[in-house]
């Protein structure tokens, strides 16, 4: 199967954005968890 270059590029960019969003969200959650634990101690 061959896709038009513009279409495949759009999908590739969307996948990259999703990957970065997941990474950023995980990073933010980790910071929140660390802050909560440091507040307790």
N, C-alpha and C. Protein backbone atom coordinates (compact mmCIF):
# COMPACT_ATOMS: atom_id res chain seq x y z
N UNK A 1 0.84 -1.21 0.00
CA UNK A 1 0.00 0.00 0.00
C UNK A 1 0.88 1.26 0.00
N UNK A 2 0.54 2.19 -0.87
CA UNK A 2 1.29 3.44 -0.95
C UNK A 2 0.37 4.61 -0.60
N UNK A 3 0.83 5.46 0.28
CA UNK A 3 0.06 6.64 0.67
C UNK A 3 0.64 7.88 0.00
N UNK A 4 -0.20 8.89 -0.24
CA UNK A 4 0.36 10.16 -0.72
C UNK A 4 1.31 10.72 0.34
N UNK A 5 2.40 11.36 -0.07
CA UNK A 5 3.40 11.82 0.91
C UNK A 5 2.83 12.74 1.98
N UNK A 6 1.91 13.61 1.59
CA UNK A 6 1.34 14.57 2.55
C UNK A 6 0.55 13.83 3.63
N UNK A 7 -0.22 12.83 3.21
CA UNK A 7 -1.06 12.07 4.14
C UNK A 7 -0.20 11.31 5.16
N UNK A 8 0.81 10.60 4.67
CA UNK A 8 1.67 9.82 5.56
C UNK A 8 2.45 10.75 6.50
N UNK A 9 2.86 11.89 5.99
CA UNK A 9 3.59 12.85 6.82
C UNK A 9 2.70 13.34 7.97
N UNK A 10 1.43 13.59 7.65
CA UNK A 10 0.48 14.05 8.67
C UNK A 10 0.32 13.00 9.76
N UNK A 11 0.18 11.74 9.37
CA UNK A 11 0.04 10.64 10.34
C UNK A 11 1.31 10.55 11.19
N UNK A 12 2.46 10.65 10.56
CA UNK A 12 3.75 10.58 11.27
C UNK A 12 3.85 11.69 12.32
N UNK A 13 3.46 12.91 11.94
CA UNK A 13 3.50 14.04 12.87
C UNK A 13 2.53 13.81 14.02
N UNK A 14 1.34 13.30 13.72
CA UNK A 14 0.36 13.01 14.78
C UNK A 14 0.91 11.99 15.76
N UNK A 15 1.52 10.92 15.25
CA UNK A 15 2.10 9.90 16.13
C UNK A 15 3.21 10.48 17.00
N UNK A 16 4.06 11.31 16.41
CA UNK A 16 5.12 11.95 17.18
C UNK A 16 4.54 12.83 18.28
N UNK A 17 3.50 13.61 17.95
CA UNK A 17 2.86 14.48 18.94
C UNK A 17 2.29 13.66 20.09
N UNK A 18 1.61 12.55 19.76
CA UNK A 18 1.05 11.68 20.79
C UNK A 18 2.15 11.14 21.70
N UNK A 19 3.25 10.70 21.10
CA UNK A 19 4.37 10.16 21.88
C UNK A 19 4.93 11.21 22.83
N UNK A 20 5.14 12.43 22.32
CA UNK A 20 5.67 13.50 23.17
C UNK A 20 4.68 13.88 24.26
N UNK A 21 3.39 13.91 23.92
CA UNK A 21 2.37 14.23 24.93
C UNK A 21 2.40 13.22 26.06
N UNK A 22 2.47 11.93 25.72
CA UNK A 22 2.54 10.88 26.75
C UNK A 22 3.77 11.07 27.62
N UNK A 23 4.91 11.37 27.00
CA UNK A 23 6.16 11.57 27.74
C UNK A 23 6.06 12.76 28.69
N UNK A 24 5.50 13.87 28.18
CA UNK A 24 5.37 15.09 28.99
C UNK A 24 4.41 14.84 30.16
N UNK A 25 3.26 14.20 29.90
CA UNK A 25 2.29 13.91 30.96
C UNK A 25 2.93 13.02 32.03
N UNK A 26 3.63 11.98 31.62
CA UNK A 26 4.29 11.09 32.57
C UNK A 26 5.31 11.87 33.40
N UNK A 27 6.06 12.77 32.77
CA UNK A 27 7.06 13.58 33.46
C UNK A 27 6.39 14.47 34.51
N UNK A 28 5.28 15.12 34.12
CA UNK A 28 4.56 16.00 35.05
C UNK A 28 4.01 15.21 36.22
N UNK A 29 3.43 14.04 35.95
CA UNK A 29 2.90 13.18 37.03
C UNK A 29 4.01 12.79 37.99
N UNK A 30 5.16 12.43 37.47
CA UNK A 30 6.29 12.06 38.31
C UNK A 30 6.68 13.23 39.21
N UNK A 31 6.71 14.44 38.68
CA UNK A 31 7.03 15.61 39.49
C UNK A 31 6.01 15.82 40.60
N UNK A 32 4.72 15.66 40.27
CA UNK A 32 3.67 15.82 41.28
C UNK A 32 3.83 14.80 42.39
N UNK A 33 4.09 13.55 42.02
CA UNK A 33 4.25 12.47 43.01
C UNK A 33 5.44 12.78 43.91
N UNK A 34 6.55 13.21 43.31
CA UNK A 34 7.75 13.53 44.09
C UNK A 34 7.46 14.68 45.05
N UNK A 35 6.77 15.71 44.59
CA UNK A 35 6.43 16.85 45.45
C UNK A 35 5.59 16.40 46.63
N UNK A 36 4.59 15.57 46.39
CA UNK A 36 3.72 15.08 47.47
C UNK A 36 4.54 14.30 48.50
N UNK A 37 5.42 13.44 48.04
CA UNK A 37 6.24 12.62 48.95
C UNK A 37 7.20 13.50 49.75
N UNK A 38 7.78 14.50 49.09
CA UNK A 38 8.72 15.37 49.80
C UNK A 38 7.98 16.24 50.83
N UNK A 39 6.73 16.61 50.54
CA UNK A 39 5.95 17.39 51.51
C UNK A 39 5.67 16.56 52.77
N UNK A 40 5.38 15.28 52.57
CA UNK A 40 5.07 14.40 53.71
C UNK A 40 6.26 14.29 54.66
N UNK A 41 7.47 14.18 54.12
CA UNK A 41 8.65 13.95 54.96
C UNK A 41 9.17 15.23 55.61
